[in-house]
Structures are given as structure tokens and as C-alpha cells.
N, C-alpha and C. Protein backbone atom coordinates (compact mmCIF):
# COMPACT_ATOMS: atom_id res chain seq x y z
N UNK A 1 161.33 -71.53 76.73
CA UNK A 1 161.42 -72.50 77.80
C UNK A 1 160.20 -72.38 78.71
N UNK A 2 159.88 -71.16 79.14
CA UNK A 2 158.67 -70.90 79.91
C UNK A 2 157.86 -69.88 79.13
N UNK A 3 156.55 -70.10 79.03
CA UNK A 3 155.71 -69.15 78.31
C UNK A 3 155.65 -67.80 79.00
N UNK A 4 155.62 -67.85 80.33
CA UNK A 4 155.53 -66.62 81.10
C UNK A 4 156.21 -66.85 82.45
N UNK A 5 156.94 -65.83 82.90
CA UNK A 5 157.55 -65.88 84.23
C UNK A 5 156.97 -64.71 85.01
N UNK A 6 156.34 -65.03 86.13
CA UNK A 6 155.75 -63.98 86.98
C UNK A 6 156.32 -64.12 88.39
N UNK A 7 156.49 -62.97 89.02
CA UNK A 7 156.89 -62.96 90.42
C UNK A 7 156.01 -61.96 91.16
N UNK A 8 155.68 -62.28 92.40
CA UNK A 8 154.94 -61.31 93.20
C UNK A 8 155.85 -60.14 93.59
N UNK A 9 155.23 -59.02 93.89
CA UNK A 9 155.95 -57.82 94.31
C UNK A 9 156.91 -58.14 95.45
N UNK A 10 156.49 -58.98 96.38
CA UNK A 10 157.31 -59.32 97.55
C UNK A 10 158.62 -60.00 97.13
N UNK A 11 158.57 -60.83 96.11
CA UNK A 11 159.79 -61.48 95.63
C UNK A 11 160.70 -60.45 94.97
N UNK A 12 160.12 -59.55 94.20
CA UNK A 12 160.93 -58.49 93.59
C UNK A 12 161.64 -57.67 94.67
N UNK A 13 160.90 -57.32 95.73
CA UNK A 13 161.51 -56.56 96.83
C UNK A 13 162.69 -57.32 97.44
N UNK A 14 162.46 -58.60 97.73
CA UNK A 14 163.47 -59.41 98.40
C UNK A 14 164.68 -59.68 97.49
N UNK A 15 164.42 -60.04 96.25
CA UNK A 15 165.49 -60.46 95.35
C UNK A 15 166.16 -59.28 94.64
N UNK A 16 165.37 -58.37 94.11
CA UNK A 16 165.93 -57.27 93.32
C UNK A 16 166.28 -56.07 94.18
N UNK A 17 165.29 -55.51 94.86
CA UNK A 17 165.52 -54.27 95.60
C UNK A 17 166.59 -54.44 96.68
N UNK A 18 166.43 -55.46 97.51
CA UNK A 18 167.42 -55.71 98.57
C UNK A 18 168.73 -56.20 97.95
N UNK A 19 168.62 -57.05 96.93
CA UNK A 19 169.82 -57.56 96.25
C UNK A 19 170.66 -56.44 95.63
N UNK A 20 170.00 -55.46 95.01
CA UNK A 20 170.73 -54.32 94.44
C UNK A 20 171.43 -53.53 95.54
N UNK A 21 170.72 -53.32 96.65
CA UNK A 21 171.30 -52.58 97.77
C UNK A 21 172.53 -53.29 98.32
N UNK A 22 172.54 -54.61 98.25
CA UNK A 22 173.67 -55.40 98.75
C UNK A 22 174.74 -55.67 97.68
N UNK A 23 174.45 -55.22 96.45
CA UNK A 23 175.42 -55.36 95.36
C UNK A 23 175.47 -56.73 94.70
N UNK A 24 174.38 -57.50 94.76
CA UNK A 24 174.35 -58.83 94.16
C UNK A 24 174.16 -58.74 92.64
N UNK A 25 175.01 -59.45 91.90
CA UNK A 25 174.95 -59.42 90.44
C UNK A 25 173.63 -59.99 89.90
N UNK A 26 173.13 -61.05 90.54
CA UNK A 26 171.89 -61.65 90.05
C UNK A 26 170.71 -60.68 90.14
N UNK A 27 170.75 -59.76 91.10
CA UNK A 27 169.68 -58.76 91.22
C UNK A 27 169.66 -57.87 89.99
N UNK A 28 170.84 -57.52 89.48
CA UNK A 28 170.93 -56.70 88.26
C UNK A 28 170.37 -57.44 87.06
N UNK A 29 170.65 -58.72 86.97
CA UNK A 29 170.18 -59.54 85.85
C UNK A 29 168.65 -59.63 85.90
N UNK A 30 168.10 -59.87 87.07
CA UNK A 30 166.65 -59.99 87.21
C UNK A 30 165.98 -58.64 86.96
N UNK A 31 166.59 -57.57 87.45
CA UNK A 31 166.04 -56.23 87.20
C UNK A 31 165.97 -55.95 85.70
N UNK A 32 167.02 -56.31 84.97
CA UNK A 32 167.03 -56.12 83.51
C UNK A 32 165.94 -56.97 82.85
N UNK A 33 165.77 -58.20 83.30
CA UNK A 33 164.73 -59.08 82.72
C UNK A 33 163.34 -58.50 82.97
N UNK A 34 163.15 -57.87 84.13
CA UNK A 34 161.87 -57.22 84.43
C UNK A 34 161.66 -56.04 83.50
N UNK A 35 162.69 -55.21 83.35
CA UNK A 35 162.55 -54.01 82.50
C UNK A 35 162.36 -54.38 81.03
N UNK A 36 162.89 -55.53 80.61
CA UNK A 36 162.72 -56.00 79.23
C UNK A 36 161.42 -56.77 79.04
N UNK A 37 160.65 -56.94 80.11
CA UNK A 37 159.38 -57.64 80.02
C UNK A 37 159.47 -59.15 80.03
N UNK A 38 160.64 -59.69 80.33
CA UNK A 38 160.81 -61.14 80.38
C UNK A 38 160.27 -61.73 81.67
N UNK A 39 160.24 -60.91 82.72
CA UNK A 39 159.65 -61.29 84.00
C UNK A 39 158.61 -60.25 84.33
N UNK A 40 157.42 -60.72 84.66
CA UNK A 40 156.31 -59.84 84.99
C UNK A 40 156.13 -59.81 86.51
N UNK A 41 156.08 -58.61 87.07
CA UNK A 41 155.87 -58.44 88.51
C UNK A 41 154.39 -58.14 88.74
N UNK A 42 153.77 -58.94 89.61
CA UNK A 42 152.34 -58.73 89.86
C UNK A 42 152.06 -58.63 91.36
N UNK A 43 150.98 -57.94 91.66
CA UNK A 43 150.52 -57.85 93.05
C UNK A 43 149.55 -59.01 93.27
N UNK A 44 149.85 -59.82 94.24
CA UNK A 44 149.01 -60.98 94.55
C UNK A 44 148.64 -60.89 96.02
N UNK A 45 147.37 -60.88 96.29
CA UNK A 45 146.95 -60.79 97.69
C UNK A 45 146.25 -62.07 98.11
N UNK A 46 146.51 -62.44 99.34
CA UNK A 46 145.88 -63.62 99.91
C UNK A 46 145.82 -63.44 101.42
N UNK A 47 144.83 -64.04 102.01
CA UNK A 47 144.72 -63.99 103.46
C UNK A 47 145.46 -65.16 104.10
N UNK A 48 145.69 -66.23 103.33
CA UNK A 48 146.31 -67.43 103.86
C UNK A 48 147.83 -67.33 103.71
N UNK A 49 148.51 -66.92 104.76
CA UNK A 49 149.97 -66.78 104.71
C UNK A 49 150.69 -67.75 105.64
N UNK A 50 149.95 -68.59 106.31
CA UNK A 50 150.58 -69.57 107.19
C UNK A 50 150.18 -70.98 106.75
N UNK A 51 151.13 -71.88 106.90
CA UNK A 51 150.87 -73.27 106.59
C UNK A 51 151.01 -74.07 107.88
N UNK A 52 150.21 -75.11 108.00
CA UNK A 52 150.31 -75.92 109.21
C UNK A 52 151.63 -76.68 109.25
N UNK A 53 152.04 -77.02 110.42
CA UNK A 53 153.23 -77.84 110.56
C UNK A 53 154.48 -77.03 110.86
N UNK A 54 155.60 -77.61 110.50
CA UNK A 54 156.89 -77.07 110.92
C UNK A 54 157.61 -76.29 109.82
N UNK A 55 156.89 -75.82 108.83
CA UNK A 55 157.54 -75.09 107.75
C UNK A 55 157.86 -73.66 108.16
N UNK A 56 159.12 -73.28 108.00
CA UNK A 56 159.55 -71.90 108.26
C UNK A 56 159.95 -71.29 106.93
N UNK A 57 159.00 -70.60 106.33
CA UNK A 57 159.19 -70.06 104.99
C UNK A 57 158.89 -68.57 105.00
N UNK A 58 159.70 -67.81 104.26
CA UNK A 58 159.51 -66.37 104.19
C UNK A 58 158.20 -66.03 103.48
N UNK A 59 157.66 -64.87 103.83
CA UNK A 59 156.40 -64.40 103.26
C UNK A 59 156.46 -64.38 101.73
N UNK A 60 157.55 -63.90 101.16
CA UNK A 60 157.67 -63.80 99.70
C UNK A 60 157.57 -65.18 99.05
N UNK A 61 158.17 -66.19 99.67
CA UNK A 61 158.11 -67.55 99.12
C UNK A 61 156.71 -68.14 99.24
N UNK A 62 156.05 -67.86 100.35
CA UNK A 62 154.68 -68.35 100.51
C UNK A 62 153.78 -67.75 99.42
N UNK A 63 153.90 -66.44 99.22
CA UNK A 63 153.07 -65.79 98.21
C UNK A 63 153.39 -66.33 96.82
N UNK A 64 154.68 -66.52 96.52
CA UNK A 64 155.07 -67.07 95.22
C UNK A 64 154.52 -68.49 95.04
N UNK A 65 154.56 -69.27 96.10
CA UNK A 65 154.04 -70.64 96.04
C UNK A 65 152.52 -70.64 95.81
N UNK A 66 151.81 -69.81 96.54
CA UNK A 66 150.36 -69.73 96.36
C UNK A 66 150.00 -69.25 94.96
N UNK A 67 150.77 -68.31 94.45
CA UNK A 67 150.55 -67.81 93.09
C UNK A 67 150.80 -68.91 92.06
N UNK A 68 151.88 -69.65 92.22
CA UNK A 68 152.18 -70.76 91.31
C UNK A 68 151.06 -71.81 91.34
N UNK A 69 150.57 -72.10 92.52
CA UNK A 69 149.46 -73.07 92.64
C UNK A 69 148.22 -72.55 91.94
N UNK A 70 147.87 -71.30 92.18
CA UNK A 70 146.66 -70.74 91.57
C UNK A 70 146.75 -70.71 90.04
N UNK A 71 147.93 -70.34 89.52
CA UNK A 71 148.09 -70.23 88.06
C UNK A 71 148.48 -71.55 87.41
N UNK A 72 148.73 -72.57 88.22
CA UNK A 72 149.20 -73.86 87.75
C UNK A 72 150.53 -73.71 87.01
N UNK A 73 151.43 -72.92 87.61
CA UNK A 73 152.76 -72.66 87.08
C UNK A 73 153.78 -73.49 87.86
N UNK A 74 154.97 -73.59 87.30
CA UNK A 74 156.09 -74.21 88.01
C UNK A 74 156.60 -73.21 89.04
N UNK A 75 156.86 -73.69 90.24
CA UNK A 75 157.39 -72.88 91.33
C UNK A 75 158.91 -72.91 91.23
N UNK A 76 159.54 -71.78 90.93
CA UNK A 76 160.99 -71.70 90.80
C UNK A 76 161.58 -71.27 92.14
N UNK A 77 162.30 -72.19 92.78
CA UNK A 77 162.76 -71.91 94.13
C UNK A 77 163.88 -72.87 94.51
N UNK A 78 164.86 -72.38 95.28
CA UNK A 78 165.95 -73.22 95.77
C UNK A 78 165.82 -73.56 97.25
N UNK A 79 164.91 -72.93 97.96
CA UNK A 79 164.75 -73.17 99.39
C UNK A 79 164.14 -74.55 99.63
N UNK A 80 164.86 -75.39 100.37
CA UNK A 80 164.42 -76.78 100.59
C UNK A 80 163.04 -76.88 101.23
N UNK A 81 162.79 -76.07 102.27
CA UNK A 81 161.48 -76.15 102.95
C UNK A 81 160.35 -75.72 102.03
N UNK A 82 160.56 -74.65 101.28
CA UNK A 82 159.53 -74.18 100.35
C UNK A 82 159.29 -75.21 99.25
N UNK A 83 160.33 -75.84 98.80
CA UNK A 83 160.19 -76.88 97.76
C UNK A 83 159.40 -78.09 98.28
N UNK A 84 159.71 -78.50 99.53
CA UNK A 84 158.96 -79.62 100.13
C UNK A 84 157.48 -79.27 100.26
N UNK A 85 157.21 -78.06 100.72
CA UNK A 85 155.83 -77.63 100.88
C UNK A 85 155.11 -77.59 99.53
N UNK A 86 155.79 -77.08 98.51
CA UNK A 86 155.20 -77.02 97.18
C UNK A 86 154.81 -78.42 96.70
N UNK A 87 155.72 -79.35 96.85
CA UNK A 87 155.42 -80.74 96.43
C UNK A 87 154.25 -81.31 97.23
N UNK A 88 154.20 -80.99 98.52
CA UNK A 88 153.10 -81.46 99.37
C UNK A 88 151.75 -80.97 98.84
N UNK A 89 151.76 -79.76 98.27
CA UNK A 89 150.52 -79.19 97.73
C UNK A 89 150.35 -79.43 96.23
N UNK A 90 151.17 -80.33 95.68
CA UNK A 90 151.02 -80.72 94.28
C UNK A 90 151.50 -79.70 93.27
N UNK A 91 152.42 -78.83 93.68
CA UNK A 91 152.95 -77.83 92.77
C UNK A 91 154.30 -78.31 92.25
N UNK A 92 154.47 -78.27 90.93
CA UNK A 92 155.74 -78.67 90.33
C UNK A 92 156.82 -77.64 90.68
N UNK A 93 158.03 -78.14 90.95
CA UNK A 93 159.12 -77.28 91.42
C UNK A 93 160.34 -77.45 90.52
N UNK A 94 161.02 -76.34 90.28
CA UNK A 94 162.33 -76.36 89.62
C UNK A 94 163.22 -75.41 90.39
N UNK A 95 164.48 -75.81 90.55
CA UNK A 95 165.46 -74.94 91.18
C UNK A 95 166.44 -74.43 90.16
N UNK A 96 167.46 -73.75 90.63
CA UNK A 96 168.46 -73.17 89.73
C UNK A 96 169.13 -74.23 88.87
N UNK A 97 169.51 -75.34 89.47
CA UNK A 97 170.15 -76.41 88.71
C UNK A 97 169.20 -76.92 87.63
N UNK A 98 167.95 -77.15 87.99
CA UNK A 98 166.96 -77.64 87.04
C UNK A 98 166.74 -76.68 85.87
N UNK A 99 166.77 -75.40 86.15
CA UNK A 99 166.58 -74.41 85.09
C UNK A 99 167.77 -74.40 84.15
N UNK A 100 168.97 -74.50 84.70
CA UNK A 100 170.17 -74.55 83.85
C UNK A 100 170.15 -75.79 82.96
N UNK A 101 169.81 -76.93 83.54
CA UNK A 101 169.73 -78.18 82.76
C UNK A 101 168.64 -78.07 81.69
N UNK A 102 167.51 -77.51 82.04
CA UNK A 102 166.42 -77.31 81.08
C UNK A 102 166.85 -76.42 79.93
N UNK A 103 167.58 -75.34 80.23
CA UNK A 103 168.08 -74.45 79.17
C UNK A 103 169.01 -75.22 78.23
N UNK A 104 169.84 -76.09 78.79
CA UNK A 104 170.73 -76.92 77.98
C UNK A 104 169.92 -77.87 77.09
N UNK A 105 168.95 -78.55 77.69
CA UNK A 105 168.14 -79.52 76.93
C UNK A 105 167.33 -78.87 75.82
N UNK A 106 166.96 -77.58 76.00
CA UNK A 106 166.22 -76.85 74.97
C UNK A 106 167.15 -76.19 73.96
N UNK A 107 168.45 -76.40 74.10
CA UNK A 107 169.41 -75.85 73.16
C UNK A 107 169.65 -74.36 73.31
N UNK A 108 169.30 -73.82 74.47
CA UNK A 108 169.49 -72.39 74.69
C UNK A 108 170.92 -72.05 75.12
N UNK A 109 171.60 -73.03 75.71
CA UNK A 109 173.00 -72.87 76.08
C UNK A 109 173.76 -74.14 75.72
N UNK A 110 175.05 -73.99 75.49
CA UNK A 110 175.88 -75.13 75.13
C UNK A 110 176.24 -75.94 76.38
N UNK A 111 176.82 -77.10 76.15
CA UNK A 111 177.27 -77.94 77.26
C UNK A 111 178.35 -77.21 78.06
N UNK A 112 179.28 -76.55 77.37
CA UNK A 112 180.35 -75.82 78.07
C UNK A 112 179.79 -74.70 78.94
N UNK A 113 178.82 -73.95 78.41
CA UNK A 113 178.20 -72.87 79.18
C UNK A 113 177.43 -73.45 80.36
N UNK A 114 176.75 -74.57 80.14
CA UNK A 114 176.02 -75.24 81.22
C UNK A 114 176.97 -75.61 82.35
N UNK A 115 178.08 -76.21 82.02
CA UNK A 115 179.06 -76.61 83.04
C UNK A 115 179.61 -75.38 83.75
N UNK A 116 179.88 -74.31 83.00
CA UNK A 116 180.38 -73.07 83.60
C UNK A 116 179.37 -72.52 84.61
N UNK A 117 178.07 -72.48 84.22
CA UNK A 117 177.02 -71.97 85.12
C UNK A 117 176.88 -72.84 86.36
N UNK A 118 176.94 -74.16 86.18
CA UNK A 118 176.82 -75.06 87.32
C UNK A 118 178.00 -74.90 88.28
N UNK A 119 179.20 -74.72 87.74
CA UNK A 119 180.36 -74.48 88.60
C UNK A 119 180.22 -73.17 89.36
N UNK A 120 179.70 -72.13 88.72
CA UNK A 120 179.48 -70.85 89.40
C UNK A 120 178.42 -71.02 90.49
N UNK A 121 177.38 -71.75 90.17
CA UNK A 121 176.30 -71.98 91.13
C UNK A 121 176.82 -72.74 92.36
N UNK A 122 177.70 -73.68 92.12
CA UNK A 122 178.26 -74.47 93.22
C UNK A 122 179.04 -73.59 94.21
N UNK A 123 179.52 -72.44 93.75
CA UNK A 123 180.25 -71.52 94.62
C UNK A 123 179.34 -70.79 95.60
N UNK A 124 178.05 -70.64 95.23
CA UNK A 124 177.14 -69.84 96.06
C UNK A 124 176.04 -70.65 96.73
N UNK A 125 175.90 -71.91 96.35
CA UNK A 125 174.90 -72.75 97.00
C UNK A 125 175.43 -74.16 97.16
N UNK A 126 174.90 -74.87 98.12
CA UNK A 126 175.37 -76.22 98.40
C UNK A 126 174.83 -77.20 97.37
N UNK A 127 175.75 -77.91 96.75
CA UNK A 127 175.41 -79.07 95.92
C UNK A 127 176.33 -80.18 96.40
N UNK A 128 175.76 -81.29 96.82
CA UNK A 128 176.61 -82.38 97.30
C UNK A 128 177.48 -82.87 96.14
N UNK A 129 178.62 -83.42 96.48
CA UNK A 129 179.53 -83.94 95.45
C UNK A 129 178.85 -85.02 94.62
N UNK A 130 178.03 -85.85 95.26
CA UNK A 130 177.33 -86.90 94.53
C UNK A 130 176.36 -86.33 93.50
N UNK A 131 175.60 -85.33 93.91
CA UNK A 131 174.64 -84.70 92.99
C UNK A 131 175.38 -84.01 91.86
N UNK A 132 176.43 -83.27 92.20
CA UNK A 132 177.20 -82.55 91.19
C UNK A 132 177.83 -83.52 90.20
N UNK A 133 178.41 -84.62 90.70
CA UNK A 133 179.02 -85.64 89.82
C UNK A 133 177.98 -86.26 88.90
N UNK A 134 176.81 -86.57 89.46
CA UNK A 134 175.73 -87.15 88.65
C UNK A 134 175.32 -86.19 87.52
N UNK A 135 175.17 -84.92 87.85
CA UNK A 135 174.78 -83.93 86.85
C UNK A 135 175.84 -83.86 85.75
N UNK A 136 177.11 -83.82 86.13
CA UNK A 136 178.20 -83.73 85.16
C UNK A 136 178.24 -84.97 84.26
N UNK A 137 178.06 -86.15 84.85
CA UNK A 137 178.04 -87.37 84.04
C UNK A 137 176.87 -87.35 83.05
N UNK A 138 175.72 -86.88 83.50
CA UNK A 138 174.55 -86.79 82.65
C UNK A 138 174.81 -85.85 81.48
N UNK A 139 175.40 -84.71 81.76
CA UNK A 139 175.72 -83.75 80.70
C UNK A 139 176.72 -84.30 79.70
N UNK A 140 177.72 -85.01 80.19
CA UNK A 140 178.77 -85.53 79.31
C UNK A 140 178.25 -86.66 78.43
N UNK A 141 177.16 -87.31 78.87
CA UNK A 141 176.60 -88.39 78.06
C UNK A 141 175.66 -87.87 76.97
N UNK A 142 175.23 -86.61 77.09
CA UNK A 142 174.35 -86.02 76.07
C UNK A 142 175.13 -85.51 74.87
């Protein structure tokens, strides 16, 4: 699906290290993917950590966005402000829903597994009923 997945050290700290300390299951999954070499953690340094305007984005997201722009990679993120900023700078964005749908379209997961993952995701993040219904109708038509 993706040739390479890279995250800056700051994202690993925020998502994995802090997530493990808080007992989040997704942190364990990402930690395993890192140890298996499916996700590469890199040190990325930049002096430009602020963006003009009203964007309130965490340092880890800014670094990940700048890295995605430099490498011409897709920026994987669910934060609305970071996604808007990425689009403003011409960086392609995918969120959790988009990745699940992409996995389904590439035949990596079945329709039933896709629906199960989307229902689980809906428990931990906001998806409007309209968006969720649209996604379900799209899946059922495939």
C-alpha cells in the first residue's frame, strides 16, 4: 500500500512512548511495526517550526508535515488543523478512515473487517453520521 512509512522521533515519542505509558493498544501495534521494520523512525531537524496564521499544531505534527513535504510523501494524520495546513502547502493527506478504505481497496482486508475497523474507530474519534453513512454505502456498493 505504501512503499515506505517513516515517522520522526518526536511522533514516536508522542504516539508510542507516551501511548505505552498510558496503556493505549495502538501504541503497542505501532511499536511492533517499528520493531519489525514496517515503520522507520528518523531524526529530522528543521529550524522552521512555526507557521503563520492561526494554526495550533503540536511540534511532532509540524515536523511530520515538513518531513512529508520534503520527501513528497503522504501525510498521515487525523488532526483537522494539521490536515488543513498540509493541504495549504500542497501535501497530500490521508487519515485513519482513508487508510482503512485504502487497505480495503487494495484487497488487504475484507469488507467485514473494514466495517469492523471503522466501527471501532468511530468509538474513539468523531465521525459525523453523514460521513459514516456515506462510507458504509460506498463499501456496500463495492
